C-alpha cells in the first residue's frame, strides 16, 4: 500500500505529523544555534559561511521529534548565483542534534552520507541533510538558502554560503 492509496484524511494526518516534526526540528535547531552562538553581528545564528575554492558542502542538522520516520524527498537551492548542486545526501549522525549547520570543503563521504532515498530519519534520531555545490564559472558563487522537502512540504533553511578564491 502506498501513500496515495490511503484515504485523504489518513494522508492529511501523516502530512501534518511530518510537518510538525520538521517544524519542531527547525525550532530545535534555532534553540541550539542560539545556545552555542558566537556568530558575527551580521550573522548572529552562525548560518552563514565562506569557503575558499570551487566546491563546498552545506549540511543542515535535523532532529526528528515525531513518532514516525522522516523521509527527506528533496533539497534544492532557494536563492543562488554562480553555483549548482553536485550532490545531495542524508547522513544519520547524533552530532546533527547539536550542530545546526556545517560548512565544509569535503563531500558526502566525510559525513557518511547516502542518497536521500536510501535512509529515513527515525523517531528521536538526528541527521545531516546536505548539498555539495560547485561554482559554475570564475566569479564567486553564493547560496542564499536551501529548501528541504519532507512529505511534499517545503521548508526553508536560512543558510548562506559563499564560494570564493579567498575568504580573507
Protein backbone atom coordinates (compact mmCIF):
# COMPACT_ATOMS: atom_id res chain seq x y z
CA UNK A 1 0.00 0.00 0.00
CA UNK A 2 1.42 3.40 -0.94
CA UNK A 3 0.59 6.83 0.48
CA UNK A 4 -1.68 7.71 -2.47
CA UNK A 5 -3.91 4.67 -1.82
CA UNK A 6 -4.66 5.84 1.72
CA UNK A 7 -7.88 7.79 2.36
CA UNK A 8 -7.49 11.56 2.20
CA UNK A 9 -7.82 12.03 5.98
CA UNK A 10 -5.04 9.46 6.62
CA UNK A 11 -2.73 11.16 4.10
CA UNK A 12 -3.54 14.54 5.67
CA UNK A 13 -2.78 13.23 9.21
CA UNK A 14 0.55 11.76 8.05
CA UNK A 15 1.41 15.03 6.31
CA UNK A 16 0.58 17.05 9.43
CA UNK A 17 2.76 14.76 11.62
CA UNK A 18 5.70 15.19 9.23
CA UNK A 19 5.14 18.96 9.01
CA UNK A 20 5.01 19.27 12.80
CA UNK A 21 8.13 17.14 13.14
CA UNK A 22 10.14 19.22 10.67
CA UNK A 23 8.84 22.47 12.20
CA UNK A 24 9.80 21.19 15.66
CA UNK A 25 13.19 20.15 14.34
CA UNK A 26 13.72 23.60 12.84
CA UNK A 27 12.74 25.21 16.15
CA UNK A 28 15.15 22.91 17.97
CA UNK A 29 17.94 23.93 15.59
CA UNK A 30 17.32 27.62 16.26
CA UNK A 31 17.47 26.99 20.02
CA UNK A 32 20.70 25.03 19.63
CA UNK A 33 22.18 27.75 17.44
CA UNK A 34 21.26 30.44 19.95
CA UNK A 35 22.64 28.45 22.86
CA UNK A 36 26.02 27.94 21.18
CA UNK A 37 26.12 31.18 19.27
CA UNK A 38 29.34 33.02 18.72
CA UNK A 39 28.50 34.39 15.28
CA UNK A 40 29.11 37.87 13.99
CA UNK A 41 26.59 40.72 14.46
CA UNK A 42 25.71 40.28 10.77
CA UNK A 43 25.07 36.54 11.27
CA UNK A 44 24.16 36.07 14.94
CA UNK A 45 22.90 32.48 14.43
CA UNK A 46 26.00 31.26 12.59
CA UNK A 47 24.01 30.28 9.48
CA UNK A 48 26.48 31.89 7.04
CA UNK A 49 29.84 30.68 5.83
CA UNK A 50 32.56 31.28 3.29
CA UNK A 51 34.85 28.65 1.78
CA UNK A 52 37.95 29.13 -0.33
CA UNK A 53 37.70 27.17 -3.54
CA UNK A 54 35.41 25.91 -6.26
CA UNK A 55 33.34 23.42 -4.24
CA UNK A 56 31.75 23.25 -0.80
CA UNK A 57 29.14 21.44 1.26
CA UNK A 58 26.30 22.75 3.40
CA UNK A 59 24.97 20.23 5.96
CA UNK A 60 21.86 21.14 7.96
CA UNK A 61 21.27 19.38 11.29
CA UNK A 62 17.76 17.93 11.64
CA UNK A 63 16.34 16.16 14.70
CA UNK A 64 13.21 14.04 14.31
CA UNK A 65 10.96 14.69 17.30
CA UNK A 66 7.93 12.94 15.80
CA UNK A 67 6.69 9.39 16.34
CA UNK A 68 7.25 8.46 12.68
CA UNK A 69 10.26 8.27 10.40
CA UNK A 70 11.01 11.35 8.29
CA UNK A 71 11.95 10.85 4.66
CA UNK A 72 13.72 13.77 3.04
CA UNK A 73 12.38 13.90 -0.51
CA UNK A 74 14.49 16.73 -1.84
CA UNK A 75 16.94 19.53 -1.19
CA UNK A 76 17.17 22.50 -3.56
CA UNK A 77 18.78 25.93 -3.63
CA UNK A 78 16.22 28.65 -2.90
CA UNK A 79 18.42 31.55 -3.96
CA UNK A 80 21.77 31.09 -5.64
CA UNK A 81 24.12 32.63 -8.15
CA UNK A 82 27.19 31.20 -9.82
CA UNK A 83 26.74 27.71 -8.27
CA UNK A 84 25.00 24.44 -8.98
CA UNK A 85 24.25 21.36 -6.90
CA UNK A 86 26.67 18.46 -7.45
CA UNK A 87 25.28 16.08 -4.82
CA UNK A 88 22.50 15.72 -2.23
CA UNK A 89 22.70 13.42 0.80
CA UNK A 90 21.42 12.43 4.24
CA UNK A 91 23.78 11.27 7.00
CA UNK A 92 22.29 9.90 10.21
CA UNK A 93 24.52 11.33 12.95
CA UNK A 94 23.78 12.28 16.57
CA UNK A 95 26.12 15.26 16.19
CA UNK A 96 23.44 16.80 13.96
CA UNK A 97 21.26 17.19 17.06
CA UNK A 98 23.64 19.84 18.46
CA UNK A 99 25.02 21.29 15.21
CA UNK A 100 22.58 23.45 13.28
CA UNK A 101 24.74 23.84 10.18
CA UNK A 102 28.20 22.86 8.93
CA UNK A 103 30.12 24.36 6.03
CA UNK A 104 32.81 22.03 4.68
CA UNK A 105 35.14 21.73 1.71
CA UNK A 106 34.61 17.96 1.87
CA UNK A 107 31.93 15.84 0.20
CA UNK A 108 29.31 13.36 1.45
CA UNK A 109 31.90 10.73 2.40
CA UNK A 110 33.16 12.98 5.21
CA UNK A 111 29.66 12.77 6.71
CA UNK A 112 28.98 9.11 5.89
CA UNK A 113 26.15 10.35 3.70
CA UNK A 114 23.87 8.37 1.39
CA UNK A 115 21.34 9.31 -1.31
CA UNK A 116 18.16 10.91 0.01
CA UNK A 117 16.01 7.90 -0.88
CA UNK A 118 18.25 5.38 0.89
CA UNK A 119 17.58 6.29 4.52
CA UNK A 120 14.92 7.87 6.71
CA UNK A 121 15.45 9.78 9.93
CA UNK A 122 13.91 7.55 12.57
CA UNK A 123 11.98 8.91 15.59
CA UNK A 124 14.28 10.52 18.18
CA UNK A 125 17.24 10.40 15.76
CA UNK A 126 19.25 13.17 14.15
CA UNK A 127 20.84 13.56 10.74
CA UNK A 128 22.62 15.98 8.48
CA UNK A 129 20.81 16.87 5.25
CA UNK A 130 23.43 18.13 2.87
CA UNK A 131 24.22 19.51 -0.55
CA UNK A 132 27.55 19.77 -2.24
CA UNK A 133 27.80 22.73 -4.58
CA UNK A 134 30.26 23.84 -7.20
CA UNK A 135 31.00 27.23 -8.76
CA UNK A 136 29.87 27.38 -12.38
CA UNK A 137 32.37 29.99 -13.53
CA UNK A 138 35.36 32.07 -12.49
CA UNK A 139 33.26 34.50 -10.45
CA UNK A 140 32.35 33.99 -6.78
CA UNK A 141 29.40 31.71 -6.08
CA UNK A 142 26.68 32.21 -3.48
CA UNK A 143 23.91 30.12 -1.93
CA UNK A 144 21.27 32.25 -0.21
CA UNK A 145 19.17 29.44 1.24
CA UNK A 146 18.01 25.86 0.91
CA UNK A 147 14.57 24.31 0.54
CA UNK A 148 14.17 20.90 2.20
CA UNK A 149 11.14 18.83 1.13
CA UNK A 150 9.58 16.32 3.54
CA UNK A 151 6.25 14.63 2.79
CA UNK A 152 5.57 17.06 -0.05
CA UNK A 153 6.02 20.08 2.20
CA UNK A 154 8.82 22.58 1.59
CA UNK A 155 10.75 24.13 4.48
CA UNK A 156 13.20 26.98 4.00
CA UNK A 157 16.59 26.82 5.68
CA UNK A 158 18.07 30.33 6.00
CA UNK A 159 21.70 29.42 5.32
CA UNK A 160 24.21 31.37 3.25
CA UNK A 161 27.44 30.08 1.74
CA UNK A 162 29.91 31.97 -0.40
CA UNK A 163 32.47 30.12 -2.54
CA UNK A 164 35.39 32.41 -3.36
CA UNK A 165 39.02 32.28 -4.39
CA UNK A 166 39.73 33.78 -0.96
CA UNK A 167 37.51 34.46 2.04
CA UNK A 168 40.05 36.79 3.72
